[in-house]
Amino acid sequence: MYTVLLVEDHEMNRDMLSRRLTRKGYEIIIAEDGKQGVDLAMEQRPDLILMDLSLPVLDGWEATRILKNSPETKNIPVIALTAHAMAGDKEKAYQAGCDDFDTKPIELSRLIEKMEAALARK
């Protein structure tokens, strides 16, 4: 069983995605802002991180940069999630260190394919 850290500030998205991934056999850890996400990643060392980009306290871009610059967490795959798929967001996510990118609303089968590919590369 893989452990996934879901960093998402929107309660409805957090609840829906965590329930659906749990049913698929993933163990889910939840963070509600970027700082909490960084802290939990350092403490729990999940297999994969799903990182919302628009977060309070510390945005997803900066949280990812911190994680990718830390020897303890740099090899954990990070998939960026955003509802704001504006031109340049995808490139900005990759520049921050994200391993992949997906848009909201989440299409679960597409996201799981990306998660499985990232875990296989790990």
PDB file of N, CA and C in Angstrom:
ATOM      1  N   MET A   1       0.852  -1.184   0.000  1.00  0.00           N
ATOM      2  CA  MET A   1       0.000   0.000   0.000  1.00  0.00           C
ATOM      3  C   MET A   1       0.894   1.243   0.000  1.00  0.00           C
ATOM      4  N   TYR A   2       0.575   2.162  -0.879  1.00  0.00           N
ATOM      5  CA  TYR A   2       1.319   3.416  -0.960  1.00  0.00           C
ATOM      6  C   TYR A   2       0.675   4.477  -0.074  1.00  0.00           C
ATOM      7  N   THR A   3       1.516   5.315   0.510  1.00  0.00           N
ATOM      8  CA  THR A   3       1.044   6.438   1.310  1.00  0.00           C
ATOM      9  C   THR A   3       1.138   7.703   0.467  1.00  0.00           C
ATOM     10  N   VAL A   4       0.033   8.432   0.409  1.00  0.00           N
ATOM     11  CA  VAL A   4      -0.050   9.661  -0.381  1.00  0.00           C
ATOM     12  C   VAL A   4      -0.369  10.821   0.546  1.00  0.00           C
ATOM     13  N   LEU A   5       0.434  11.870   0.435  1.00  0.00           N
ATOM     14  CA  LEU A   5       0.154  13.115   1.157  1.00  0.00           C
ATOM     15  C   LEU A   5      -0.658  14.007   0.228  1.00  0.00           C
ATOM     16  N   LEU A   6      -1.875  14.319   0.631  1.00  0.00           N
ATOM     17  CA  LEU A   6      -2.754  15.204  -0.123  1.00  0.00           C
ATOM     18  C   LEU A   6      -2.713  16.579   0.534  1.00  0.00           C
ATOM     19  N   VAL A   7      -2.155  17.560  -0.175  1.00  0.00           N
ATOM     20  CA  VAL A   7      -2.059  18.922   0.340  1.00  0.00           C
ATOM     21  C   VAL A   7      -3.116  19.744  -0.401  1.00  0.00           C
ATOM     22  N   GLU A   8      -4.219  20.011   0.277  1.00  0.00           N
ATOM     23  CA  GLU A   8      -5.392  20.633  -0.353  1.00  0.00           C
ATOM     24  C   GLU A   8      -6.135  21.447   0.688  1.00  0.00           C
ATOM     25  N   ASP A   9      -6.385  22.736   0.398  1.00  0.00           N
ATOM     26  CA  ASP A   9      -7.060  23.594   1.379  1.00  0.00           C
ATOM     27  C   ASP A   9      -8.578  23.572   1.254  1.00  0.00           C
ATOM     28  N   HIS A  10      -9.105  23.138   0.132  1.00  0.00           N
ATOM     29  CA  HIS A  10     -10.555  23.145  -0.073  1.00  0.00           C
ATOM     30  C   HIS A  10     -11.151  21.853   0.493  1.00  0.00           C
ATOM     31  N   GLU A  11     -11.996  21.999   1.511  1.00  0.00           N
ATOM     32  CA  GLU A  11     -12.522  20.846   2.245  1.00  0.00           C
ATOM     33  C   GLU A  11     -13.247  19.844   1.350  1.00  0.00           C
ATOM     34  N   MET A  12     -14.074  20.308   0.438  1.00  0.00           N
ATOM     35  CA  MET A  12     -14.837  19.397  -0.418  1.00  0.00           C
ATOM     36  C   MET A  12     -13.894  18.585  -1.329  1.00  0.00           C
ATOM     37  N   ASN A  13     -12.898  19.251  -1.912  1.00  0.00           N
ATOM     38  CA  ASN A  13     -11.928  18.546  -2.760  1.00  0.00           C
ATOM     39  C   ASN A  13     -11.133  17.531  -1.937  1.00  0.00           C
ATOM     40  N   ARG A  14     -10.724  17.940  -0.759  1.00  0.00           N
ATOM     41  CA  ARG A  14      -9.946  17.083   0.142  1.00  0.00           C
ATOM     42  C   ARG A  14     -10.740  15.830   0.493  1.00  0.00           C
ATOM     43  N   ASP A  15     -11.990  16.021   0.880  1.00  0.00           N
ATOM     44  CA  ASP A  15     -12.839  14.915   1.302  1.00  0.00           C
ATOM     45  C   ASP A  15     -13.109  13.961   0.138  1.00  0.00           C
ATOM     46  N   MET A  16     -13.490  14.507  -1.003  1.00  0.00           N
ATOM     47  CA  MET A  16     -13.825  13.688  -2.155  1.00  0.00           C
ATOM     48  C   MET A  16     -12.614  12.883  -2.628  1.00  0.00           C
ATOM     49  N   LEU A  17     -11.487  13.545  -2.793  1.00  0.00           N
ATOM     50  CA  LEU A  17     -10.313  12.877  -3.327  1.00  0.00           C
ATOM     51  C   LEU A  17      -9.747  11.865  -2.328  1.00  0.00           C
ATOM     52  N   SER A  18      -9.718  12.212  -1.056  1.00  0.00           N
ATOM     53  CA  SER A  18      -9.179  11.270  -0.070  1.00  0.00           C
ATOM     54  C   SER A  18     -10.043  10.010   0.014  1.00  0.00           C
ATOM     55  N   ARG A  19     -11.361  10.158  -0.028  1.00  0.00           N
ATOM     56  CA  ARG A  19     -12.247   8.983   0.013  1.00  0.00           C
ATOM     57  C   ARG A  19     -12.064   8.103  -1.223  1.00  0.00           C
ATOM     58  N   ARG A  20     -11.980   8.720  -2.381  1.00  0.00           N
ATOM     59  CA  ARG A  20     -11.834   7.953  -3.617  1.00  0.00           C
ATOM     60  C   ARG A  20     -10.495   7.232  -3.688  1.00  0.00           C
ATOM     61  N   LEU A  21      -9.435   7.879  -3.238  1.00  0.00           N
ATOM     62  CA  LEU A  21      -8.115   7.233  -3.251  1.00  0.00           C
ATOM     63  C   LEU A  21      -8.017   6.137  -2.194  1.00  0.00           C
ATOM     64  N   THR A  22      -8.657   6.335  -1.053  1.00  0.00           N
ATOM     65  CA  THR A  22      -8.682   5.296  -0.018  1.00  0.00           C
ATOM     66  C   THR A  22      -9.366   4.043  -0.549  1.00  0.00           C
ATOM     67  N   ARG A  23     -10.460   4.223  -1.279  1.00  0.00           N
ATOM     68  CA  ARG A  23     -11.162   3.079  -1.880  1.00  0.00           C
ATOM     69  C   ARG A  23     -10.288   2.352  -2.896  1.00  0.00           C
ATOM     70  N   LYS A  24      -9.344   3.066  -3.497  1.00  0.00           N
ATOM     71  CA  LYS A  24      -8.425   2.460  -4.476  1.00  0.00           C
ATOM     72  C   LYS A  24      -7.222   1.813  -3.791  1.00  0.00           C
ATOM     73  N   GLY A  25      -7.160   1.875  -2.455  1.00  0.00           N
ATOM     74  CA  GLY A  25      -6.108   1.188  -1.722  1.00  0.00           C
ATOM     75  C   GLY A  25      -4.951   2.046  -1.253  1.00  0.00           C
ATOM     76  N   TYR A  26      -5.043   3.352  -1.432  1.00  0.00           N
ATOM     77  CA  TYR A  26      -3.979   4.249  -0.968  1.00  0.00           C
ATOM     78  C   TYR A  26      -4.239   4.665   0.473  1.00  0.00           C
ATOM     79  N   GLU A  27      -3.164   4.816   1.243  1.00  0.00           N
ATOM     80  CA  GLU A  27      -3.276   5.394   2.580  1.00  0.00           C
ATOM     81  C   GLU A  27      -3.069   6.899   2.410  1.00  0.00           C
ATOM     82  N   ILE A  28      -3.969   7.700   2.951  1.00  0.00           N
ATOM     83  CA  ILE A  28      -3.953   9.148   2.718  1.00  0.00           C
ATOM     84  C   ILE A  28      -3.604   9.900   3.998  1.00  0.00           C
ATOM     85  N   ILE A  29      -2.660  10.833   3.854  1.00  0.00           N
ATOM     86  CA  ILE A  29      -2.318  11.800   4.896  1.00  0.00           C
ATOM     87  C   ILE A  29      -2.788  13.147   4.344  1.00  0.00           C
ATOM     88  N   ILE A  30      -3.383  13.970   5.183  1.00  0.00           N
ATOM     89  CA  ILE A  30      -3.947  15.237   4.706  1.00  0.00           C
ATOM     90  C   ILE A  30      -3.273  16.440   5.359  1.00  0.00           C
ATOM     91  N   ALA A  31      -2.951  17.416   4.516  1.00  0.00           N
ATOM     92  CA  ALA A  31      -2.467  18.720   4.978  1.00  0.00           C
ATOM     93  C   ALA A  31      -3.369  19.781   4.364  1.00  0.00           C
ATOM     94  N   GLU A  32      -3.661  20.840   5.131  1.00  0.00           N
ATOM     95  CA  GLU A  32      -4.582  21.871   4.679  1.00  0.00           C
ATOM     96  C   GLU A  32      -3.907  23.131   4.177  1.00  0.00           C
ATOM     97  N   ASP A  33      -2.581  23.231   4.313  1.00  0.00           N
ATOM     98  CA  ASP A  33      -1.852  24.368   3.762  1.00  0.00           C
ATOM     99  C   ASP A  33      -0.432  23.917   3.419  1.00  0.00           C
ATOM    100  N   GLY A  34       0.297  24.767   2.715  1.00  0.00           N
ATOM    101  CA  GLY A  34       1.621  24.395   2.247  1.00  0.00           C
ATOM    102  C   GLY A  34       2.625  24.130   3.354  1.00  0.00           C
ATOM    103  N   LYS A  35       2.582  24.913   4.420  1.00  0.00           N
ATOM    104  CA  LYS A  35       3.521  24.699   5.518  1.00  0.00           C
ATOM    105  C   LYS A  35       3.252  23.371   6.197  1.00  0.00           C
ATOM    106  N   GLN A  36       1.993  23.078   6.446  1.00  0.00           N
ATOM    107  CA  GLN A  36       1.636  21.797   7.057  1.00  0.00           C
ATOM    108  C   GLN A  36       2.037  20.648   6.119  1.00  0.00           C
ATOM    109  N   GLY A  37       1.899  20.857   4.818  1.00  0.00           N
ATOM    110  CA  GLY A  37       2.308  19.847   3.846  1.00  0.00           C
ATOM    111  C   GLY A  37       3.799  19.564   3.917  1.00  0.00           C
ATOM    112  N   VAL A  38       4.605  20.607   3.984  1.00  0.00           N
ATOM    113  CA  VAL A  38       6.064  20.439   4.104  1.00  0.00           C
ATOM    114  C   VAL A  38       6.388  19.710   5.405  1.00  0.00           C
ATOM    115  N   ASP A  39       5.788  20.143   6.505  1.00  0.00           N
ATOM    116  CA  ASP A  39       6.063  19.524   7.806  1.00  0.00           C
ATOM    117  C   ASP A  39       5.696  18.039   7.811  1.00  0.00           C
ATOM    118  N   LEU A  40       4.517  17.708   7.276  1.00  0.00           N
ATOM    119  CA  LEU A  40       4.088  16.305   7.242  1.00  0.00           C
ATOM    120  C   LEU A  40       4.948  15.470   6.301  1.00  0.00           C
ATOM    121  N   ALA A  41       5.363  16.040   5.180  1.00  0.00           N
ATOM    122  CA  ALA A  41       6.229  15.313   4.246  1.00  0.00           C
ATOM    123  C   ALA A  41       7.555  14.977   4.914  1.00  0.00           C
ATOM    124  N   MET A  42       8.123  15.938   5.648  1.00  0.00           N
ATOM    125  CA  MET A  42       9.397  15.717   6.339  1.00  0.00           C
ATOM    126  C   MET A  42       9.251  14.653   7.429  1.00  0.00           C
ATOM    127  N   GLU A  43       8.118  14.683   8.121  1.00  0.00           N
ATOM    128  CA  GLU A  43       7.886  13.778   9.246  1.00  0.00           C
ATOM    129  C   GLU A  43       7.466  12.378   8.796  1.00  0.00           C
ATOM    130  N   GLN A  44       6.553  12.306   7.826  1.00  0.00           N
ATOM    131  CA  GLN A  44       5.941  11.030   7.442  1.00  0.00           C
ATOM    132  C   GLN A  44       6.606  10.334   6.243  1.00  0.00           C
ATOM    133  N   ARG A  45       7.303  11.096   5.412  1.00  0.00           N
ATOM    134  CA  ARG A  45       7.960  10.569   4.202  1.00  0.00           C
ATOM    135  C   ARG A  45       6.996   9.721   3.348  1.00  0.00           C
ATOM    136  N   PRO A  46       5.954  10.352   2.813  1.00  0.00           N
ATOM    137  CA  PRO A  46       4.993   9.601   1.991  1.00  0.00           C
ATOM    138  C   PRO A  46       5.654   9.117   0.701  1.00  0.00           C
ATOM    139  N   ASP A  47       4.980   8.205   0.025  1.00  0.00           N
ATOM    140  CA  ASP A  47       5.478   7.687  -1.254  1.00  0.00           C
ATOM    141  C   ASP A  47       5.257   8.676  -2.387  1.00  0.00           C
ATOM    142  N   LEU A  48       4.231   9.532  -2.238  1.00  0.00           N
ATOM    143  CA  LEU A  48       3.868  10.477  -3.287  1.00  0.00           C
ATOM    144  C   LEU A  48       3.137  11.655  -2.650  1.00  0.00           C
ATOM    145  N   ILE A  49       3.247  12.817  -3.269  1.00  0.00           N
ATOM    146  CA  ILE A  49       2.550  14.013  -2.773  1.00  0.00           C
ATOM    147  C   ILE A  49       1.672  14.572  -3.883  1.00  0.00           C
ATOM    148  N   LEU A  50       0.406  14.819  -3.570  1.00  0.00           N
ATOM    149  CA  LEU A  50      -0.507  15.549  -4.448  1.00  0.00           C
ATOM    150  C   LEU A  50      -0.587  16.962  -3.886  1.00  0.00           C
ATOM    151  N   MET A  51      -0.085  17.930  -4.639  1.00  0.00           N
ATOM    152  CA  MET A  51       0.102  19.293  -4.138  1.00  0.00           C
ATOM    153  C   MET A  51      -0.783  20.288  -4.876  1.00  0.00           C
ATOM    154  N   ASP A  52      -1.789  20.800  -4.181  1.00  0.00           N
ATOM    155  CA  ASP A  52      -2.547  21.927  -4.725  1.00  0.00           C
ATOM    156  C   ASP A  52      -1.566  23.092  -4.825  1.00  0.00           C
ATOM    157  N   LEU A  53      -1.713  23.918  -5.839  1.00  0.00           N
ATOM    158  CA  LEU A  53      -0.781  25.029  -6.002  1.00  0.00           C
ATOM    159  C   LEU A  53      -1.242  26.293  -5.290  1.00  0.00           C
ATOM    160  N   SER A  54      -2.555  26.501  -5.215  1.00  0.00           N
ATOM    161  CA  SER A  54      -3.096  27.695  -4.552  1.00  0.00           C
ATOM    162  C   SER A  54      -3.443  27.347  -3.113  1.00  0.00           C
ATOM    163  N   LEU A  55      -2.478  27.566  -2.231  1.00  0.00           N
ATOM    164  CA  LEU A  55      -2.642  27.190  -0.825  1.00  0.00           C
ATOM    165  C   LEU A  55      -2.391  28.389   0.076  1.00  0.00           C
ATOM    166  N   PRO A  56      -3.020  28.397   1.261  1.00  0.00           N
ATOM    167  CA  PRO A  56      -2.708  29.442   2.234  1.00  0.00           C
ATOM    168  C   PRO A  56      -1.375  29.143   2.935  1.00  0.00           C
ATOM    169  N   VAL A  57      -0.867  30.112   3.639  1.00  0.00           N
ATOM    170  CA  VAL A  57       0.353  30.080   4.447  1.00  0.00           C
ATOM    171  C   VAL A  57       1.593  29.978   3.555  1.00  0.00           C
ATOM    172  N   LEU A  58       1.672  28.918   2.751  1.00  0.00           N
ATOM    173  CA  LEU A  58       2.802  28.691   1.848  1.00  0.00           C
ATOM    174  C   LEU A  58       2.214  28.064   0.591  1.00  0.00           C
ATOM    175  N   ASP A  59       2.373  28.719  -0.578  1.00  0.00           N
ATOM    176  CA  ASP A  59       1.738  28.166  -1.777  1.00  0.00           C
ATOM    177  C   ASP A  59       2.428  26.880  -2.228  1.00  0.00           C
ATOM    178  N   GLY A  60       1.765  26.153  -3.102  1.00  0.00           N
ATOM    179  CA  GLY A  60       2.261  24.855  -3.552  1.00  0.00           C
ATOM    180  C   GLY A  60       3.578  24.920  -4.290  1.00  0.00           C
ATOM    181  N   TRP A  61       3.812  26.013  -5.017  1.00  0.00           N
ATOM    182  CA  TRP A  61       5.085  26.154  -5.731  1.00  0.00           C
ATOM    183  C   TRP A  61       6.240  26.217  -4.727  1.00  0.00           C
ATOM    184  N   GLU A  62       6.098  27.075  -3.720  1.00  0.00           N
ATOM    185  CA  GLU A  62       7.161  27.239  -2.728  1.00  0.00           C
ATOM    186  C   GLU A  62       7.314  25.985  -1.873  1.00  0.00           C
ATOM    187  N   ALA A  63       6.198  25.369  -1.488  1.00  0.00           N
ATOM    188  CA  ALA A  63       6.264  24.127  -0.705  1.00  0.00           C
ATOM    189  C   ALA A  63       7.025  23.049  -1.481  1.00  0.00           C
ATOM    190  N   THR A  64       6.753  22.948  -2.781  1.00  0.00           N
ATOM    191  CA  THR A  64       7.451  21.964  -3.613  1.00  0.00           C
ATOM    192  C   THR A  64       8.933  22.285  -3.702  1.00  0.00           C
ATOM    193  N   ARG A  65       9.274  23.555  -3.886  1.00  0.00           N
ATOM    194  CA  ARG A  65      10.697  23.940  -3.933  1.00  0.00           C
ATOM    195  C   ARG A  65      11.418  23.525  -2.650  1.00  0.00           C
ATOM    196  N   ILE A  66      10.789  23.759  -1.516  1.00  0.00           N
ATOM    197  CA  ILE A  66      11.394  23.389  -0.232  1.00  0.00           C
ATOM    198  C   ILE A  66      11.611  21.876  -0.168  1.00  0.00           C
ATOM    199  N   LEU A  67      10.588  21.114  -0.550  1.00  0.00           N
ATOM    200  CA  LEU A  67      10.685  19.650  -0.494  1.00  0.00           C
ATOM    201  C   LEU A  67      11.738  19.113  -1.454  1.00  0.00           C
ATOM    202  N   LYS A  68      11.812  19.684  -2.645  1.00  0.00           N
ATOM    203  CA  LYS A  68      12.764  19.196  -3.647  1.00  0.00           C
ATOM    204  C   LYS A  68      14.200  19.634  -3.338  1.00  0.00           C
ATOM    205  N   ASN A  69      14.364  20.638  -2.476  1.00  0.00           N
ATOM    206  CA  ASN A  69      15.701  21.077  -2.073  1.00  0.00           C
ATOM    207  C   ASN A  69      16.163  20.424  -0.779  1.00  0.00           C
ATOM    208  N   SER A  70      15.334  19.571  -0.206  1.00  0.00           N
ATOM    209  CA  SER A  70      15.685  18.884   1.032  1.00  0.00           C
ATOM    210  C   SER A  70      16.135  17.455   0.723  1.00  0.00           C
ATOM    211  N   PRO A  71      17.299  17.042   1.219  1.00  0.00           N
ATOM    212  CA  PRO A  71      17.780  15.683   0.954  1.00  0.00           C
ATOM    213  C   PRO A  71      16.795  14.597   1.411  1.00  0.00           C
ATOM    214  N   GLU A  72      16.032  14.872   2.468  1.00  0.00           N
ATOM    215  CA  GLU A  72      15.093  13.875   3.002  1.00  0.00           C
ATOM    216  C   GLU A  72      13.877  13.658   2.111  1.00  0.00           C
ATOM    217  N   THR A  73      13.484  14.667   1.346  1.00  0.00           N
ATOM    218  CA  THR A  73      12.222  14.577   0.595  1.00  0.00           C
ATOM    219  C   THR A  73      12.384  14.792  -0.908  1.00  0.00           C
ATOM    220  N   LYS A  74      13.586  15.042  -1.376  1.00  0.00           N
ATOM    221  CA  LYS A  74      13.766  15.403  -2.790  1.00  0.00           C
ATOM    222  C   LYS A  74      13.346  14.308  -3.766  1.00  0.00           C
ATOM    223  N   ASN A  75      13.358  13.051  -3.338  1.00  0.00           N
ATOM    224  CA  ASN A  75      13.002  11.957  -4.242  1.00  0.00           C
ATOM    225  C   ASN A  75      11.534  11.552  -4.180  1.00  0.00           C
ATOM    226  N   ILE A  76      10.749  12.240  -3.354  1.00  0.00           N
ATOM    227  CA  ILE A  76       9.313  11.948  -3.295  1.00  0.00           C
ATOM    228  C   ILE A  76       8.648  12.628  -4.495  1.00  0.00           C
ATOM    229  N   PRO A  77       7.958  11.850  -5.356  1.00  0.00           N
ATOM    230  CA  PRO A  77       7.288  12.475  -6.499  1.00  0.00           C
ATOM    231  C   PRO A  77       6.179  13.430  -6.039  1.00  0.00           C
ATOM    232  N   VAL A  78       6.095  14.565  -6.720  1.00  0.00           N
ATOM    233  CA  VAL A  78       5.064  15.567  -6.438  1.00  0.00           C
ATOM    234  C   VAL A  78       4.254  15.788  -7.707  1.00  0.00           C
ATOM    235  N   ILE A  79       2.945  15.610  -7.596  1.00  0.00           N
ATOM    236  CA  ILE A  79       2.038  15.917  -8.705  1.00  0.00           C
ATOM    237  C   ILE A  79       1.269  17.176  -8.322  1.00  0.00           C
ATOM    238  N   ALA A  80       1.424  18.217  -9.131  1.00  0.00           N
ATOM    239  CA  ALA A  80       0.716  19.478  -8.895  1.00  0.00           C
ATOM    240  C   ALA A  80      -0.745  19.323  -9.309  1.00  0.00           C
ATOM    241  N   LEU A  81      -1.637  19.890  -8.511  1.00  0.00           N
ATOM    242  CA  LEU A  81      -3.063  19.919  -8.819  1.00  0.00           C
ATOM    243  C   LEU A  81      -3.520  21.369  -8.807  1.00  0.00           C
ATOM    244  N   THR A  82      -4.226  21.778  -9.861  1.00  0.00           N
ATOM    245  CA  THR A  82      -4.702  23.159  -9.865  1.00  0.00           C
ATOM    246  C   THR A  82      -5.982  23.305 -10.679  1.00  0.00           C
ATOM    247  N   ALA A  83      -6.819  24.202 -10.207  1.00  0.00           N
ATOM    248  CA  ALA A  83      -8.021  24.569 -10.947  1.00  0.00           C
ATOM    249  C   ALA A  83      -7.706  25.713 -11.900  1.00  0.00           C
ATOM    250  N   HIS A  84      -6.567  26.350 -11.694  1.00  0.00           N
ATOM    251  CA  HIS A  84      -6.174  27.510 -12.489  1.00  0.00           C
ATOM    252  C   HIS A  84      -5.143  27.103 -13.527  1.00  0.00           C
ATOM    253  N   ALA A  85      -5.593  26.401 -14.541  1.00  0.00           N
ATOM    254  CA  ALA A  85      -4.676  25.913 -15.580  1.00  0.00           C
ATOM    255  C   ALA A  85      -4.407  27.033 -16.583  1.00  0.00           C
ATOM    256  N   MET A  86      -3.797  28.082 -16.099  1.00  0.00           N
ATOM    257  CA  MET A  86      -3.494  29.235 -16.937  1.00  0.00           C
ATOM    258  C   MET A  86      -2.198  28.963 -17.693  1.00  0.00           C
ATOM    259  N   ALA A  87      -2.024  29.679 -18.785  1.00  0.00           N
ATOM    260  CA  ALA A  87      -0.790  29.536 -19.550  1.00  0.00           C
ATOM    261  C   ALA A  87       0.387  29.811 -18.632  1.00  0.00           C
ATOM    262  N   GLY A  88       1.337  28.923 -18.635  1.00  0.00           N
ATOM    263  CA  GLY A  88       2.527  29.100 -17.817  1.00  0.00           C
ATOM    264  C   GLY A  88       2.481  28.388 -16.477  1.00  0.00           C
ATOM    265  N   ASP A  89       1.287  28.018 -15.986  1.00  0.00           N
ATOM    266  CA  ASP A  89       1.202  27.334 -14.690  1.00  0.00           C
ATOM    267  C   ASP A  89       1.899  25.980 -14.721  1.00  0.00           C
ATOM    268  N   LYS A  90       1.721  25.255 -15.813  1.00  0.00           N
ATOM    269  CA  LYS A  90       2.338  23.934 -15.925  1.00  0.00           C
ATOM    270  C   LYS A  90       3.865  24.063 -15.896  1.00  0.00           C
ATOM    271  N   GLU A  91       4.394  24.989 -16.665  1.00  0.00           N
ATOM    272  CA  GLU A  91       5.842  25.197 -16.703  1.00  0.00           C
ATOM    273  C   GLU A  91       6.354  25.668 -15.342  1.00  0.00           C
ATOM    274  N   LYS A  92       5.593  26.544 -14.692  1.00  0.00           N
ATOM    275  CA  LYS A  92       5.975  27.048 -13.375  1.00  0.00           C
ATOM    276  C   LYS A  92       6.006  25.891 -12.361  1.00  0.00           C
ATOM    277  N   ALA A  93       5.055  24.973 -12.471  1.00  0.00           N
ATOM    278  CA  ALA A  93       5.022  23.815 -11.574  1.00  0.00           C
ATOM    279  C   ALA A  93       6.253  22.935 -11.793  1.00  0.00           C
ATOM    280  N   TYR A  94       6.602  22.692 -13.054  1.00  0.00           N
ATOM    281  CA  TYR A  94       7.788  21.884 -13.345  1.00  0.00           C
ATOM    282  C   TYR A  94       9.057  22.590 -12.861  1.00  0.00           C
ATOM    283  N   GLN A  95       9.125  23.897 -13.029  1.00  0.00           N
ATOM    284  CA  GLN A  95      10.297  24.651 -12.564  1.00  0.00           C
ATOM    285  C   GLN A  95      10.436  24.588 -11.042  1.00  0.00           C
ATOM    286  N   ALA A  96       9.310  24.502 -10.344  1.00  0.00           N
ATOM    287  CA  ALA A  96       9.341  24.395  -8.879  1.00  0.00           C
ATOM    288  C   ALA A  96       9.799  23.009  -8.431  1.00  0.00           C
ATOM    289  N   GLY A  97       9.768  22.031  -9.358  1.00  0.00           N
ATOM    290  CA  GLY A  97      10.209  20.680  -9.028  1.00  0.00           C
ATOM    291  C   GLY A  97       9.132  19.621  -9.097  1.00  0.00           C
ATOM    292  N   CYS A  98       7.916  19.996  -9.503  1.00  0.00           N
ATOM    293  CA  CYS A  98       6.853  18.994  -9.615  1.00  0.00           C
ATOM    294  C   CYS A  98       7.220  17.974 -10.684  1.00  0.00           C
ATOM    295  N   ASP A  99       6.844  16.734 -10.427  1.00  0.00           N
ATOM    296  CA  ASP A  99       7.133  15.649 -11.358  1.00  0.00           C
ATOM    297  C   ASP A  99       6.047  15.490 -12.410  1.00  0.00           C
ATOM    298  N   ASP A 100       4.852  15.968 -12.102  1.00  0.00           N
ATOM    299  CA  ASP A 100       3.743  15.907 -13.052  1.00  0.00           C
ATOM    300  C   ASP A 100       2.736  16.982 -12.655  1.00  0.00           C
ATOM    301  N   PHE A 101       1.682  17.104 -13.450  1.00  0.00           N
ATOM    302  CA  PHE A 101       0.731  18.203 -13.328  1.00  0.00           C
ATOM    303  C   PHE A 101      -0.639  17.681 -13.731  1.00  0.00           C
ATOM    304  N   ASP A 102      -1.679  18.023 -12.987  1.00  0.00           N
ATOM    305  CA  ASP A 102      -3.037  17.651 -13.362  1.00  0.00           C
ATOM    306  C   ASP A 102      -3.980  18.788 -12.996  1.00  0.00           C
ATOM    307  N   THR A 103      -5.076  18.863 -13.721  1.00  0.00           N
ATOM    308  CA  THR A 103      -6.017  19.953 -13.523  1.00  0.00           C
ATOM    309  C   THR A 103      -7.272  19.478 -12.801  1.00  0.00           C
ATOM    310  N   LYS A 104      -7.910  20.418 -12.140  1.00  0.00           N
ATOM    311  CA  LYS A 104      -9.200  20.195 -11.488  1.00  0.00           C
ATOM    312  C   LYS A 104     -10.278  20.702 -12.430  1.00  0.00           C
ATOM    313  N   PRO A 105     -11.449  20.124 -12.435  1.00  0.00           N
ATOM    314  CA  PRO A 105     -11.850  19.018 -11.580  1.00  0.00           C
ATOM    315  C   PRO A 105     -11.063  17.751 -11.910  1.00  0.00           C
ATOM    316  N   ILE A 106     -10.792  16.974 -10.878  1.00  0.00           N
ATOM    317  CA  ILE A 106      -9.981  15.769 -11.009  1.00  0.00           C
ATOM    318  C   ILE A 106     -10.752  14.688 -11.763  1.00  0.00           C
ATOM    319  N   GLU A 107     -10.101  14.134 -12.760  1.00  0.00           N
ATOM    320  CA  GLU A 107     -10.594  12.927 -13.429  1.00  0.00           C
ATOM    321  C   GLU A 107      -9.793  11.792 -12.807  1.00  0.00           C
ATOM    322  N   LEU A 108     -10.422  10.996 -11.944  1.00  0.00           N
ATOM    323  CA  LEU A 108      -9.712  10.036 -11.105  1.00  0.00           C
ATOM    324  C   LEU A 108      -8.858   9.055 -11.910  1.00  0.00           C
ATOM    325  N   SER A 109      -9.382   8.512 -12.984  1.00  0.00           N
ATOM    326  CA  SER A 109      -8.603   7.526 -13.751  1.00  0.00           C
ATOM    327  C   SER A 109      -7.327   8.153 -14.317  1.00  0.00           C
ATOM    328  N   ARG A 110      -7.417   9.381 -14.794  1.00  0.00           N
ATOM    329  CA  ARG A 110      -6.246  10.079 -15.327  1.00  0.00           C
ATOM    330  C   ARG A 110      -5.234  10.349 -14.219  1.00  0.00           C
ATOM    331  N   LEU A 111      -5.718  10.799 -13.056  1.00  0.00           N
ATOM    332  CA  LEU A 111      -4.825  11.084 -11.935  1.00  0.00           C
ATOM    333  C   LEU A 111      -4.135   9.807 -11.455  1.00  0.00           C
ATOM    334  N   ILE A 112      -4.873   8.721 -11.345  1.00  0.00           N
ATOM    335  CA  ILE A 112      -4.269   7.463 -10.888  1.00  0.00           C
ATOM    336  C   ILE A 112      -3.211   6.981 -11.869  1.00  0.00           C
ATOM    337  N   GLU A 113      -3.435   7.156 -13.161  1.00  0.00           N
ATOM    338  CA  GLU A 113      -2.402   6.802 -14.149  1.00  0.00           C
ATOM    339  C   GLU A 113      -1.127   7.600 -13.887  1.00  0.00           C
ATOM    340  N   LYS A 114      -1.278   8.886 -13.631  1.00  0.00           N
ATOM    341  CA  LYS A 114      -0.114   9.738 -13.359  1.00  0.00           C
ATOM    342  C   LYS A 114       0.559   9.334 -12.046  1.00  0.00           C
ATOM    343  N   MET A 115      -0.244   9.000 -11.036  1.00  0.00           N
ATOM    344  CA  MET A 115       0.308   8.578  -9.763  1.00  0.00           C
ATOM    345  C   MET A 115       1.102   7.268  -9.921  1.00  0.00           C
ATOM    346  N   GLU A 116       0.514   6.310 -10.625  1.00  0.00           N
ATOM    347  CA  GLU A 116       1.172   5.019 -10.810  1.00  0.00           C
ATOM    348  C   GLU A 116       2.464   5.176 -11.612  1.00  0.00           C
ATOM    349  N   ALA A 117       2.457   6.047 -12.620  1.00  0.00           N
ATOM    350  CA  ALA A 117       3.666   6.286 -13.400  1.00  0.00           C
ATOM    351  C   ALA A 117       4.756   6.919 -12.531  1.00  0.00           C
ATOM    352  N   ALA A 118       4.383   7.882 -11.695  1.00  0.00           N
ATOM    353  CA  ALA A 118       5.360   8.536 -10.820  1.00  0.00           C
ATOM    354  C   ALA A 118       5.917   7.560  -9.792  1.00  0.00           C
ATOM    355  N   LEU A 119       5.071   6.708  -9.244  1.00  0.00           N
ATOM    356  CA  LEU A 119       5.525   5.722  -8.268  1.00  0.00           C
ATOM    357  C   LEU A 119       6.427   4.674  -8.914  1.00  0.00           C
ATOM    358  N   ALA A 120       6.142   4.310 -10.154  1.00  0.00           N
ATOM    359  CA  ALA A 120       6.969   3.333 -10.869  1.00  0.00           C
ATOM    360  C   ALA A 120       8.358   3.897 -11.154  1.00  0.00           C
ATOM    361  N   ARG A 121       8.439   5.212 -11.404  1.00  0.00           N
ATOM    362  CA  ARG A 121       9.738   5.857 -11.680  1.00  0.00           C
ATOM    363  C   ARG A 121      10.566   6.057 -10.421  1.00  0.00           C
ATOM    364  N   LYS A 122       9.895   6.063  -9.267  1.00  0.00           N
ATOM    365  CA  LYS A 122      10.566   6.394  -7.998  1.00  0.00           C
ATOM    366  C   LYS A 122      11.669   5.410  -7.661  1.00  0.00           C
TER     367      LYS A 122
END
